[in-house]
Each structure stands twice: as structure tokens, then as C-alpha cells.
Amino acid sequence: MNKVVGTGKNENAGVGFYMDFFGFRERPFTLVPDPDFLFWSAQHRRAYSVLEFGVLSRAPITLVTGGVGCGKTTLLRELLRQFGDKVTVGLISNAQGGRGELIQWVLNALDVKFDPTIGYVQLFQKLQDYLIEEYASGRRVVLIFDEAQNLSKESLEELRMLTNINSGKDEVIQLVLVGQPELRDMVFDPALRQLAQRIAASFHLLPLDEAGVAELVAYRLKAAGGNGEEITLGASKLIYQATRGVPRLINQLCDMALLYAWSMDHHHVDEHVVKSVLDDGVFFAAQIAAEEEKQK
């Protein structure tokens, strides 16, 4: 008999869902970026190495790009966990606006108090003074821009200008730009040639291949307290086909497939369970992919 979510004595099902049924300590496929569940595929290891190298080698600008849901933000969170008190980190997500607004985003990220009514020159001077003070105290500043493709070309050029702030022979600020593939296209624009020349390390993340999807699925199942076999290899193959190897979509589909298996009293997610999820249309990304194929 199938289970019913949220009715009768099973009203607490919304808390555990399938977790007790499968013996998980926590949900293996949550959508919140969690470094503890970071699957180190070969390319994710390389991407992280590039990020780490960029920071440790004092690269003026480090660039990491990849499609939506490929794991860029999770890598960032893992990187942030590694910084000690010798590095001051400012994390800026979805910054928009012109150069005046950009400086304000930066000051806010660094927790520097300022009067928003003062002009651009005064704001820039306040930032420069702060960077020099941090350098004098033995700390360097790393600014991480997540979703940097939302920045205008004017703002990207302004970021390049920030890397000109120095103390003697040393740069006092490093930039890490993380964004979607269009960010890479923006950087290659001839108008931003000087910015591109300051990028000392870069990496582009691609979706996982079929083997990588199976490895990710098994890894996250084990990380949540399972044995890694709750989702079969045949099911993983269908998951790869439906998600095109995008980690965020894999998490969405696996989460729903486990819920379906629980409702069917199946202790494994097999091809039948995944197909049921897809046929019911509850995995919205599959419908979007189908529409994109029709438009080609």
C-alpha cells in the first residue's frame, strides 16, 4: 500500500520523508550548497586547485566558470572554509549597477562603514585606505564575486582598476570571479583585454559524464548514511540522460526518486521509479529540456 504524505498518523512525514525508510542520517540530495557533500570529480578537483592556487599565489584575478548548477558555489564555500585569519574575505553575490554601486557592494562585503551619500572618489579612497590598513596588519584581502556574469563591462573594468591598488611591490587585493559561461565570453571581449591579461588562473566546469553521475549518486548516498546502492546503476543511467550531468538537476531528480520509492515501498530506486517521476512531470527540468529540443 502506498504511503500518503502529510495525513493521519503520518503527519510528521514532512520531516523525515524517506530518511527513516532508507536509514539516512540526513537527506542526501538537498539543493543547498554543502561542502560536506561535495563530490570531488576529477574536474572539480582541478577547479578547486585553480581556485586555491590563485589565492595562494597572489594572482590578481582568478576566473572559474561553468553552467548553472555545476557546483561552482559549493566549491567557493569549501574554499572559504580553508582561509585563516591572515586573509580577509569579502563574498559578493549578484552584484549589479555602475562603478559607484560596485564600490558600495565591495565595502559592504568587507563590513566597512561608509556614508552612501558621498561621491565615488571618496568611496574609492575609503576602500583604498582600508586595503592598505589590512596589508599593514599582515592581512591580504580576497574579494570573491559569485554570479559575476551579472556585472556590466564597466564594472568589470572597474574591478581591474582595483587590482592596481598596491603597497610598494605587493598587490593588496585579489579578485576571484565565478560565473556562468557568458562571463568567459565577456572577459574575452577586446574592450576588456587589460582585464583578461590580469587573469592568472582560470577553469571552466563542465557537466558530469555518465560514469561521473553514478559516482556522485553513490557518494552522496553514503555521505548521508546509506550504502550507496539505494539508487541502482540502471536508474543512474536514466538520471544522467534526464539531467545531462548537471549536479543541481541530479540532486533534484534523485531527491524526488527517493520520495517516489518510499511511497511505493520500494527499498531501491530503479529505472521504473525514475521513469515514474519523469512520466508524472514532477521533474520540471526535464520538461524544459524537452521544449529546448523542440526549438532546435
C-alpha atoms as a PDB file:
ATOM      1  CA  MET A   1       0.000   0.000   0.000  1.00  0.00           C
ATOM      2  CA  ASN A   2       1.405   3.388  -0.953  1.00  0.00           C
ATOM      3  CA  LYS A   3       2.157   5.926   1.749  1.00  0.00           C
ATOM      4  CA  VAL A   4       0.341   9.248   1.831  1.00  0.00           C
ATOM      5  CA  VAL A   5       2.340  12.341   2.724  1.00  0.00           C
ATOM      6  CA  GLY A   6       1.038  14.577   5.495  1.00  0.00           C
ATOM      7  CA  THR A   7      -2.153  12.742   6.536  1.00  0.00           C
ATOM      8  CA  GLY A   8      -3.324  10.816   9.598  1.00  0.00           C
ATOM      9  CA  LYS A   9      -0.623   9.485  11.903  1.00  0.00           C
ATOM     10  CA  ASN A  10       1.967  10.092   9.237  1.00  0.00           C
ATOM     11  CA  GLU A  11       1.707  13.877   9.577  1.00  0.00           C
ATOM     12  CA  ASN A  12       5.406  14.077  10.515  1.00  0.00           C
ATOM     13  CA  ALA A  13       6.378  12.572   7.178  1.00  0.00           C
ATOM     14  CA  GLY A  14       7.261  16.079   6.041  1.00  0.00           C
ATOM     15  CA  VAL A  15      10.215  15.997   8.432  1.00  0.00           C
ATOM     16  CA  GLY A  16      11.702  12.620   7.611  1.00  0.00           C
ATOM     17  CA  PHE A  17      10.062  11.659   4.330  1.00  0.00           C
ATOM     18  CA  TYR A  18      12.072   8.675   3.154  1.00  0.00           C
ATOM     19  CA  MET A  19      15.003   9.113   5.584  1.00  0.00           C
ATOM     20  CA  ASP A  20      13.988   6.525   8.189  1.00  0.00           C
ATOM     21  CA  PHE A  21      12.793   4.185   5.452  1.00  0.00           C
ATOM     22  CA  PHE A  22      16.254   4.117   3.856  1.00  0.00           C
ATOM     23  CA  GLY A  23      18.207   4.637   7.085  1.00  0.00           C
ATOM     24  CA  PHE A  24      19.700   8.010   6.156  1.00  0.00           C
ATOM     25  CA  ARG A  25      21.003  10.413   8.797  1.00  0.00           C
ATOM     26  CA  GLU A  26      20.051  13.323   6.539  1.00  0.00           C
ATOM     27  CA  ARG A  27      18.722  13.930   3.072  1.00  0.00           C
ATOM     28  CA  PRO A  28      21.446  13.002   0.584  1.00  0.00           C
ATOM     29  CA  PHE A  29      20.283  15.304  -2.193  1.00  0.00           C
ATOM     30  CA  THR A  30      19.439  18.684  -0.691  1.00  0.00           C
ATOM     31  CA  LEU A  31      19.751  21.673  -3.032  1.00  0.00           C
ATOM     32  CA  VAL A  32      21.599  23.916  -0.565  1.00  0.00           C
ATOM     33  CA  PRO A  33      25.328  24.006  -1.428  1.00  0.00           C
ATOM     34  CA  ASP A  34      27.036  21.953   1.292  1.00  0.00           C
ATOM     35  CA  PRO A  35      30.824  21.428   1.308  1.00  0.00           C
ATOM     36  CA  ASP A  36      30.335  18.286   3.438  1.00  0.00           C
ATOM     37  CA  PHE A  37      28.541  16.687   0.471  1.00  0.00           C
ATOM     38  CA  LEU A  38      30.950  17.982  -2.152  1.00  0.00           C
ATOM     39  CA  PHE A  39      31.663  15.247  -4.691  1.00  0.00           C
ATOM     40  CA  TRP A  40      35.238  15.536  -5.878  1.00  0.00           C
ATOM     41  CA  SER A  41      35.047  14.588  -9.524  1.00  0.00           C
ATOM     42  CA  ALA A  42      38.321  14.918 -11.425  1.00  0.00           C
ATOM     43  CA  GLN A  43      37.336  18.270 -12.891  1.00  0.00           C
ATOM     44  CA  HIS A  44      36.017  19.589  -9.558  1.00  0.00           C
ATOM     45  CA  ARG A  45      39.397  18.770  -8.027  1.00  0.00           C
ATOM     46  CA  ARG A  46      41.109  20.669 -10.836  1.00  0.00           C
ATOM     47  CA  ALA A  47      38.726  23.619 -10.484  1.00  0.00           C
ATOM     48  CA  TYR A  48      39.356  23.763  -6.739  1.00  0.00           C
ATOM     49  CA  SER A  49      43.102  23.515  -7.289  1.00  0.00           C
ATOM     50  CA  VAL A  50      42.889  26.500  -9.630  1.00  0.00           C
ATOM     51  CA  LEU A  51      40.929  28.498  -7.041  1.00  0.00           C
ATOM     52  CA  GLU A  52      43.355  27.581  -4.267  1.00  0.00           C
ATOM     53  CA  PHE A  53      46.398  28.240  -6.452  1.00  0.00           C
ATOM     54  CA  GLY A  54      45.011  31.621  -7.459  1.00  0.00           C
ATOM     55  CA  VAL A  55      44.654  32.691  -3.839  1.00  0.00           C
ATOM     56  CA  LEU A  56      47.918  31.228  -2.524  1.00  0.00           C
ATOM     57  CA  SER A  57      49.984  32.529  -5.439  1.00  0.00           C
ATOM     58  CA  ARG A  58      48.504  36.015  -5.018  1.00  0.00           C
ATOM     59  CA  ALA A  59      47.103  36.018  -8.547  1.00  0.00           C
ATOM     60  CA  PRO A  60      45.485  39.395  -9.284  1.00  0.00           C
ATOM     61  CA  ILE A  61      42.394  37.717 -10.773  1.00  0.00           C
ATOM     62  CA  THR A  62      41.226  34.090 -10.767  1.00  0.00           C
ATOM     63  CA  LEU A  63      38.342  33.030 -13.033  1.00  0.00           C
ATOM     64  CA  VAL A  64      36.097  29.963 -12.634  1.00  0.00           C
ATOM     65  CA  THR A  65      33.100  29.499 -14.922  1.00  0.00           C
ATOM     66  CA  GLY A  66      30.522  26.796 -15.542  1.00  0.00           C
ATOM     67  CA  GLY A  67      26.871  26.209 -16.302  1.00  0.00           C
ATOM     68  CA  VAL A  68      24.039  26.678 -13.829  1.00  0.00           C
ATOM     69  CA  GLY A  69      24.145  24.006 -11.135  1.00  0.00           C
ATOM     70  CA  CYS A  70      27.613  22.640 -11.945  1.00  0.00           C
ATOM     71  CA  GLY A  71      28.907  23.138  -8.393  1.00  0.00           C
ATOM     72  CA  LYS A  72      30.712  26.488  -8.528  1.00  0.00           C
ATOM     73  CA  THR A  73      29.139  27.893  -5.358  1.00  0.00           C
ATOM     74  CA  THR A  74      29.819  24.688  -3.418  1.00  0.00           C
ATOM     75  CA  LEU A  75      33.485  24.905  -4.400  1.00  0.00           C
ATOM     76  CA  LEU A  76      33.523  28.507  -3.203  1.00  0.00           C
ATOM     77  CA  ARG A  77      32.103  27.529   0.174  1.00  0.00           C
ATOM     78  CA  GLU A  78      34.752  24.838   0.548  1.00  0.00           C
ATOM     79  CA  LEU A  79      37.455  27.371  -0.313  1.00  0.00           C
ATOM     80  CA  LEU A  80      36.115  29.844   2.252  1.00  0.00           C
ATOM     81  CA  ARG A  81      36.389  27.190   4.973  1.00  0.00           C
ATOM     82  CA  GLN A  82      40.147  26.982   4.381  1.00  0.00           C
ATOM     83  CA  PHE A  83      41.024  30.631   4.943  1.00  0.00           C
ATOM     84  CA  GLY A  84      42.761  31.552   8.175  1.00  0.00           C
ATOM     85  CA  ASP A  85      42.974  34.901   9.938  1.00  0.00           C
ATOM     86  CA  LYS A  86      45.701  36.065   7.560  1.00  0.00           C
ATOM     87  CA  VAL A  87      43.149  36.596   4.814  1.00  0.00           C
ATOM     88  CA  THR A  88      40.177  38.951   4.848  1.00  0.00           C
ATOM     89  CA  VAL A  89      37.432  37.642   2.571  1.00  0.00           C
ATOM     90  CA  GLY A  90      34.586  39.570   1.014  1.00  0.00           C
ATOM     91  CA  LEU A  91      31.913  37.476  -0.720  1.00  0.00           C
ATOM     92  CA  ILE A  92      29.696  39.339  -3.167  1.00  0.00           C
ATOM     93  CA  SER A  93      26.786  37.620  -4.926  1.00  0.00           C
ATOM     94  CA  ASN A  94      24.723  39.038  -7.785  1.00  0.00           C
ATOM     95  CA  ALA A  95      26.315  42.485  -7.692  1.00  0.00           C
ATOM     96  CA  GLN A  96      24.805  44.862 -10.228  1.00  0.00           C
ATOM     97  CA  GLY A  97      24.945  48.526 -11.104  1.00  0.00           C
ATOM     98  CA  GLY A  98      27.610  51.001 -12.188  1.00  0.00           C
ATOM     99  CA  ARG A  99      31.017  51.656 -10.698  1.00  0.00           C
ATOM    100  CA  GLY A 100      29.688  53.716  -7.772  1.00  0.00           C
ATOM    101  CA  GLU A 101      27.346  50.928  -6.754  1.00  0.00           C
ATOM    102  CA  LEU A 102      30.144  48.383  -7.198  1.00  0.00           C
ATOM    103  CA  ILE A 103      32.360  50.118  -4.656  1.00  0.00           C
ATOM    104  CA  GLN A 104      29.462  50.095  -2.221  1.00  0.00           C
ATOM    105  CA  TRP A 105      28.960  46.343  -2.773  1.00  0.00           C
ATOM    106  CA  VAL A 106      32.659  45.832  -2.008  1.00  0.00           C
ATOM    107  CA  LEU A 107      32.632  47.986   1.131  1.00  0.00           C
ATOM    108  CA  ASN A 108      29.526  46.196   2.408  1.00  0.00           C
ATOM    109  CA  ALA A 109      31.125  42.788   1.786  1.00  0.00           C
ATOM    110  CA  LEU A 110      34.184  43.853   3.782  1.00  0.00           C
ATOM    111  CA  ASP A 111      31.979  45.285   6.548  1.00  0.00           C
ATOM    112  CA  VAL A 112      33.445  48.761   6.106  1.00  0.00           C
ATOM    113  CA  LYS A 113      31.107  51.521   7.295  1.00  0.00           C
ATOM    114  CA  PHE A 114      30.561  54.387   4.858  1.00  0.00           C
ATOM    115  CA  ASP A 115      28.232  57.272   4.105  1.00  0.00           C
ATOM    116  CA  PRO A 116      26.209  56.280   0.991  1.00  0.00           C
ATOM    117  CA  THR A 117      25.697  59.957   0.102  1.00  0.00           C
ATOM    118  CA  ILE A 118      29.366  60.695  -0.547  1.00  0.00           C
ATOM    119  CA  GLY A 119      30.773  60.632  -4.069  1.00  0.00           C
ATOM    120  CA  TYR A 120      32.669  57.952  -5.937  1.00  0.00           C
ATOM    121  CA  VAL A 121      36.123  59.436  -5.286  1.00  0.00           C
ATOM    122  CA  GLN A 122      35.568  59.447  -1.530  1.00  0.00           C
ATOM    123  CA  LEU A 123      34.210  55.888  -1.610  1.00  0.00           C
ATOM    124  CA  PHE A 124      37.223  54.696  -3.589  1.00  0.00           C
ATOM    125  CA  GLN A 125      39.578  56.445  -1.170  1.00  0.00           C
ATOM    126  CA  LYS A 126      37.852  54.797   1.789  1.00  0.00           C
ATOM    127  CA  LEU A 127      38.296  51.392   0.180  1.00  0.00           C
ATOM    128  CA  GLN A 128      41.935  52.075  -0.675  1.00  0.00           C
ATOM    129  CA  ASP A 129      42.688  53.210   2.884  1.00  0.00           C
ATOM    130  CA  TYR A 130      41.085  50.033   4.242  1.00  0.00           C
ATOM    131  CA  LEU A 131      43.103  47.784   1.920  1.00  0.00           C
ATOM    132  CA  ILE A 132      46.358  49.469   2.884  1.00  0.00           C
ATOM    133  CA  GLU A 133      45.485  49.126   6.577  1.00  0.00           C
ATOM    134  CA  GLU A 134      44.786  45.418   6.165  1.00  0.00           C
ATOM    135  CA  TYR A 135      48.081  44.976   4.329  1.00  0.00           C
ATOM    136  CA  ALA A 136      49.960  46.835   7.068  1.00  0.00           C
ATOM    137  CA  SER A 137      48.380  44.477   9.618  1.00  0.00           C
ATOM    138  CA  GLY A 138      49.688  41.448   7.729  1.00  0.00           C
ATOM    139  CA  ARG A 139      46.391  40.513   6.109  1.00  0.00           C
ATOM    140  CA  ARG A 140      45.540  40.400   2.429  1.00  0.00           C
ATOM    141  CA  VAL A 141      42.075  40.924   1.035  1.00  0.00           C
ATOM    142  CA  VAL A 142      40.359  38.469  -1.308  1.00  0.00           C
ATOM    143  CA  LEU A 143      37.141  39.586  -3.000  1.00  0.00           C
ATOM    144  CA  ILE A 144      35.013  36.767  -4.389  1.00  0.00           C
ATOM    145  CA  PHE A 145      32.333  37.705  -6.909  1.00  0.00           C
ATOM    146  CA  ASP A 146      29.766  34.940  -7.344  1.00  0.00           C
ATOM    147  CA  GLU A 147      27.417  35.178 -10.356  1.00  0.00           C
ATOM    148  CA  ALA A 148      29.878  37.676 -11.812  1.00  0.00           C
ATOM    149  CA  GLN A 149      28.236  37.424 -15.255  1.00  0.00           C
ATOM    150  CA  ASN A 150      25.690  39.919 -13.907  1.00  0.00           C
ATOM    151  CA  LEU A 151      28.359  42.628 -13.771  1.00  0.00           C
ATOM    152  CA  SER A 152      28.464  45.174 -16.568  1.00  0.00           C
ATOM    153  CA  LYS A 153      31.570  45.661 -18.697  1.00  0.00           C
ATOM    154  CA  GLU A 154      32.055  48.974 -16.906  1.00  0.00           C
ATOM    155  CA  SER A 155      32.022  47.181 -13.540  1.00  0.00           C
ATOM    156  CA  LEU A 156      34.455  44.504 -14.736  1.00  0.00           C
ATOM    157  CA  GLU A 157      36.839  47.218 -15.901  1.00  0.00           C
ATOM    158  CA  GLU A 158      36.446  48.896 -12.518  1.00  0.00           C
ATOM    159  CA  LEU A 159      37.458  45.632 -10.850  1.00  0.00           C
ATOM    160  CA  ARG A 160      40.613  45.596 -12.928  1.00  0.00           C
ATOM    161  CA  MET A 161      41.378  49.072 -11.643  1.00  0.00           C
ATOM    162  CA  LEU A 162      41.080  47.785  -8.075  1.00  0.00           C
ATOM    163  CA  THR A 163      43.974  45.406  -8.717  1.00  0.00           C
ATOM    164  CA  ASN A 164      46.176  48.445  -9.379  1.00  0.00           C
ATOM    165  CA  ILE A 165      45.970  49.401  -5.714  1.00  0.00           C
ATOM    166  CA  ASN A 166      49.253  48.304  -4.229  1.00  0.00           C
ATOM    167  CA  SER A 167      51.743  48.892  -1.465  1.00  0.00           C
ATOM    168  CA  GLY A 168      55.224  49.022  -2.909  1.00  0.00           C
ATOM    169  CA  LYS A 169      55.791  45.840  -4.914  1.00  0.00           C
ATOM    170  CA  ASP A 170      52.812  43.920  -3.465  1.00  0.00           C
ATOM    171  CA  GLU A 171      49.190  43.950  -4.557  1.00  0.00           C
ATOM    172  CA  VAL A 172      46.879  44.322  -1.598  1.00  0.00           C
ATOM    173  CA  ILE A 173      43.730  42.861  -3.150  1.00  0.00           C
ATOM    174  CA  GLN A 174      42.943  39.711  -5.117  1.00  0.00           C
ATOM    175  CA  LEU A 175      39.793  39.018  -7.096  1.00  0.00           C
ATOM    176  CA  VAL A 176      38.055  35.696  -7.705  1.00  0.00           C
ATOM    177  CA  LEU A 177      35.390  35.876 -10.420  1.00  0.00           C
ATOM    178  CA  VAL A 178      32.916  32.998 -10.526  1.00  0.00           C
ATOM    179  CA  GLY A 179      30.070  32.844 -13.010  1.00  0.00           C
ATOM    180  CA  GLN A 180      28.212  31.241 -15.864  1.00  0.00           C
ATOM    181  CA  PRO A 181      29.744  30.620 -19.327  1.00  0.00           C
ATOM    182  CA  GLU A 182      28.762  34.076 -20.597  1.00  0.00           C
ATOM    183  CA  LEU A 183      31.228  35.556 -18.102  1.00  0.00           C
ATOM    184  CA  ARG A 184      34.029  33.885 -20.054  1.00  0.00           C
ATOM    185  CA  ASP A 185      32.686  35.432 -23.253  1.00  0.00           C
ATOM    186  CA  MET A 186      32.564  38.855 -21.612  1.00  0.00           C
ATOM    187  CA  VAL A 187      36.170  38.596 -20.449  1.00  0.00           C
ATOM    188  CA  PHE A 188      37.309  37.725 -23.984  1.00  0.00           C
ATOM    189  CA  ASP A 189      35.758  40.927 -25.338  1.00  0.00           C
ATOM    190  CA  PRO A 190      38.529  43.095 -26.872  1.00  0.00           C
ATOM    191  CA  ALA A 191      37.292  46.011 -24.775  1.00  0.00           C
ATOM    192  CA  LEU A 192      38.286  44.072 -21.642  1.00  0.00           C
ATOM    193  CA  ARG A 193      41.681  42.981 -22.918  1.00  0.00           C
ATOM    194  CA  GLN A 194      43.507  44.525 -19.955  1.00  0.00           C
ATOM    195  CA  LEU A 195      41.239  42.634 -17.544  1.00  0.00           C
ATOM    196  CA  ALA A 196      41.920  39.342 -19.349  1.00  0.00           C
ATOM    197  CA  GLN A 197      45.658  39.948 -19.084  1.00  0.00           C
ATOM    198  CA  ARG A 198      45.375  40.079 -15.287  1.00  0.00           C
ATOM    199  CA  ILE A 199      43.682  36.680 -15.027  1.00  0.00           C
ATOM    200  CA  ALA A 200      46.482  34.418 -13.822  1.00  0.00           C
ATOM    201  CA  ALA A 201      44.397  31.267 -13.271  1.00  0.00           C
ATOM    202  CA  SER A 202      41.138  30.076 -14.836  1.00  0.00           C
ATOM    203  CA  PHE A 203      38.984  26.958 -15.170  1.00  0.00           C
ATOM    204  CA  HIS A 204      35.691  26.078 -16.871  1.00  0.00           C
ATOM    205  CA  LEU A 205      33.463  23.438 -15.215  1.00  0.00           C
ATOM    206  CA  LEU A 206      31.521  21.072 -17.463  1.00  0.00           C
ATOM    207  CA  PRO A 207      28.589  18.758 -16.572  1.00  0.00           C
ATOM    208  CA  LEU A 208      29.427  15.220 -15.412  1.00  0.00           C
ATOM    209  CA  ASP A 209      29.584  12.280 -17.789  1.00  0.00           C
ATOM    210  CA  GLU A 210      27.529   9.122 -17.220  1.00  0.00           C
ATOM    211  CA  ALA A 211      30.151   7.459 -15.025  1.00  0.00           C
ATOM    212  CA  GLY A 212      30.536  10.655 -13.021  1.00  0.00           C
ATOM    213  CA  VAL A 213      26.794  10.798 -12.348  1.00  0.00           C
ATOM    214  CA  ALA A 214      26.810   7.234 -10.984  1.00  0.00           C
ATOM    215  CA  GLU A 215      29.776   8.092  -8.762  1.00  0.00           C
ATOM    216  CA  LEU A 216      28.144  11.287  -7.475  1.00  0.00           C
ATOM    217  CA  VAL A 217      24.895   9.477  -6.665  1.00  0.00           C
ATOM    218  CA  ALA A 218      26.666   6.679  -4.768  1.00  0.00           C
ATOM    219  CA  TYR A 219      28.901   9.163  -2.927  1.00  0.00           C
ATOM    220  CA  ARG A 220      26.031  11.296  -1.639  1.00  0.00           C
ATOM    221  CA  LEU A 221      24.013   8.250  -0.595  1.00  0.00           C
ATOM    222  CA  LYS A 222      26.953   7.023   1.507  1.00  0.00           C
ATOM    223  CA  ALA A 223      27.617  10.515   2.902  1.00  0.00           C
ATOM    224  CA  ALA A 224      24.028  10.579   4.187  1.00  0.00           C
ATOM    225  CA  GLY A 225      24.410   7.214   5.926  1.00  0.00           C
ATOM    226  CA  GLY A 226      23.291   4.835   3.190  1.00  0.00           C
ATOM    227  CA  ASN A 227      25.202   2.031   1.497  1.00  0.00           C
ATOM    228  CA  GLY A 228      25.405   3.738  -1.894  1.00  0.00           C
ATOM    229  CA  GLU A 229      23.207   1.162  -3.603  1.00  0.00           C
ATOM    230  CA  GLU A 230      19.793   2.640  -2.831  1.00  0.00           C
ATOM    231  CA  ILE A 231      19.766   4.007  -6.393  1.00  0.00           C
ATOM    232  CA  THR A 232      20.682   1.365  -8.978  1.00  0.00           C
ATOM    233  CA  LEU A 233      23.133   1.806 -11.844  1.00  0.00           C
ATOM    234  CA  GLY A 234      20.278   1.491 -14.308  1.00  0.00           C
ATOM    235  CA  ALA A 235      18.452   4.312 -12.545  1.00  0.00           C
ATOM    236  CA  SER A 236      21.630   6.419 -12.571  1.00  0.00           C
ATOM    237  CA  LYS A 237      21.806   5.994 -16.343  1.00  0.00           C
ATOM    238  CA  LEU A 238      18.290   7.401 -16.727  1.00  0.00           C
ATOM    239  CA  ILE A 239      19.154  10.193 -14.295  1.00  0.00           C
ATOM    240  CA  TYR A 240      22.154  11.112 -16.428  1.00  0.00           C
ATOM    241  CA  GLN A 241      20.018  11.218 -19.567  1.00  0.00           C
ATOM    242  CA  ALA A 242      17.364  13.395 -17.921  1.00  0.00           C
ATOM    243  CA  THR A 243      19.757  15.836 -16.228  1.00  0.00           C
ATOM    244  CA  ARG A 244      22.562  15.952 -18.825  1.00  0.00           C
ATOM    245  CA  GLY A 245      25.027  15.570 -15.957  1.00  0.00           C
ATOM    246  CA  VAL A 246      24.236  18.860 -14.175  1.00  0.00           C
ATOM    247  CA  PRO A 247      24.784  18.257 -10.412  1.00  0.00           C
ATOM    248  CA  ARG A 248      21.946  20.505  -9.238  1.00  0.00           C
ATOM    249  CA  LEU A 249      19.456  18.726 -11.502  1.00  0.00           C
ATOM    250  CA  ILE A 250      20.815  15.343 -10.418  1.00  0.00           C
ATOM    251  CA  ASN A 251      20.071  16.291  -6.805  1.00  0.00           C
ATOM    252  CA  GLN A 252      16.538  17.372  -7.695  1.00  0.00           C
ATOM    253  CA  LEU A 253      15.713  14.192  -9.587  1.00  0.00           C
ATOM    254  CA  CYS A 254      17.320  11.841  -7.060  1.00  0.00           C
ATOM    255  CA  ASP A 255      15.500  13.506  -4.181  1.00  0.00           C
ATOM    256  CA  MET A 256      12.144  13.053  -5.924  1.00  0.00           C
ATOM    257  CA  ALA A 257      13.001   9.475  -6.969  1.00  0.00           C
ATOM    258  CA  LEU A 258      13.742   8.506  -3.360  1.00  0.00           C
ATOM    259  CA  LEU A 259      10.428  10.024  -2.329  1.00  0.00           C
ATOM    260  CA  TYR A 260       8.628   8.003  -5.011  1.00  0.00           C
ATOM    261  CA  ALA A 261      10.399   4.791  -3.956  1.00  0.00           C
ATOM    262  CA  TRP A 262       9.371   5.410  -0.345  1.00  0.00           C
ATOM    263  CA  SER A 263       5.752   5.971  -1.358  1.00  0.00           C
ATOM    264  CA  MET A 264       5.824   2.690  -3.329  1.00  0.00           C
ATOM    265  CA  ASP A 265       7.503   0.719  -0.506  1.00  0.00           C
ATOM    266  CA  HIS A 266      10.472   0.068  -2.826  1.00  0.00           C
ATOM    267  CA  HIS A 267      13.790  -0.128  -0.998  1.00  0.00           C
ATOM    268  CA  HIS A 268      15.674   0.695  -4.196  1.00  0.00           C
ATOM    269  CA  VAL A 269      15.275   3.372  -6.831  1.00  0.00           C
ATOM    270  CA  ASP A 270      15.354   1.513 -10.131  1.00  0.00           C
ATOM    271  CA  GLU A 271      14.580   2.510 -13.718  1.00  0.00           C
ATOM    272  CA  HIS A 272      10.848   2.060 -13.091  1.00  0.00           C
ATOM    273  CA  VAL A 273      10.854   4.553 -10.220  1.00  0.00           C
ATOM    274  CA  VAL A 274      12.831   7.169 -12.163  1.00  0.00           C
ATOM    275  CA  LYS A 275      10.587   6.709 -15.180  1.00  0.00           C
ATOM    276  CA  SER A 276       7.527   7.233 -12.948  1.00  0.00           C
ATOM    277  CA  VAL A 277       8.951  10.555 -11.758  1.00  0.00           C
ATOM    278  CA  LEU A 278       9.641  11.642 -15.324  1.00  0.00           C
ATOM    279  CA  ASP A 279       6.266  10.442 -16.654  1.00  0.00           C
ATOM    280  CA  ASP A 280       4.382  12.306 -13.921  1.00  0.00           C
ATOM    281  CA  GLY A 281       6.033  15.558 -14.974  1.00  0.00           C
ATOM    282  CA  VAL A 282       7.138  16.488 -11.440  1.00  0.00           C
ATOM    283  CA  PHE A 283      10.761  16.921 -12.539  1.00  0.00           C
ATOM    284  CA  PHE A 284      10.293  20.285 -14.182  1.00  0.00           C
ATOM    285  CA  ALA A 285      13.794  20.469 -15.645  1.00  0.00           C
ATOM    286  CA  ALA A 286      13.021  17.520 -17.925  1.00  0.00           C
ATOM    287  CA  GLN A 287      10.082  19.410 -19.413  1.00  0.00           C
ATOM    288  CA  ILE A 288      12.271  22.455 -20.040  1.00  0.00           C
ATOM    289  CA  ALA A 289      14.899  20.279 -21.755  1.00  0.00           C
ATOM    290  CA  ALA A 290      12.199  18.744 -23.973  1.00  0.00           C
ATOM    291  CA  GLU A 291      10.982  22.185 -25.015  1.00  0.00           C
ATOM    292  CA  GLU A 292      14.553  23.265 -25.808  1.00  0.00           C
ATOM    293  CA  GLU A 293      14.995  20.215 -28.037  1.00  0.00           C
ATOM    294  CA  LYS A 294      11.792  21.061 -29.924  1.00  0.00           C
ATOM    295  CA  GLN A 295      13.047  24.584 -30.604  1.00  0.00           C
ATOM    296  CA  LYS A 296      16.325  23.391 -32.132  1.00  0.00           C
END
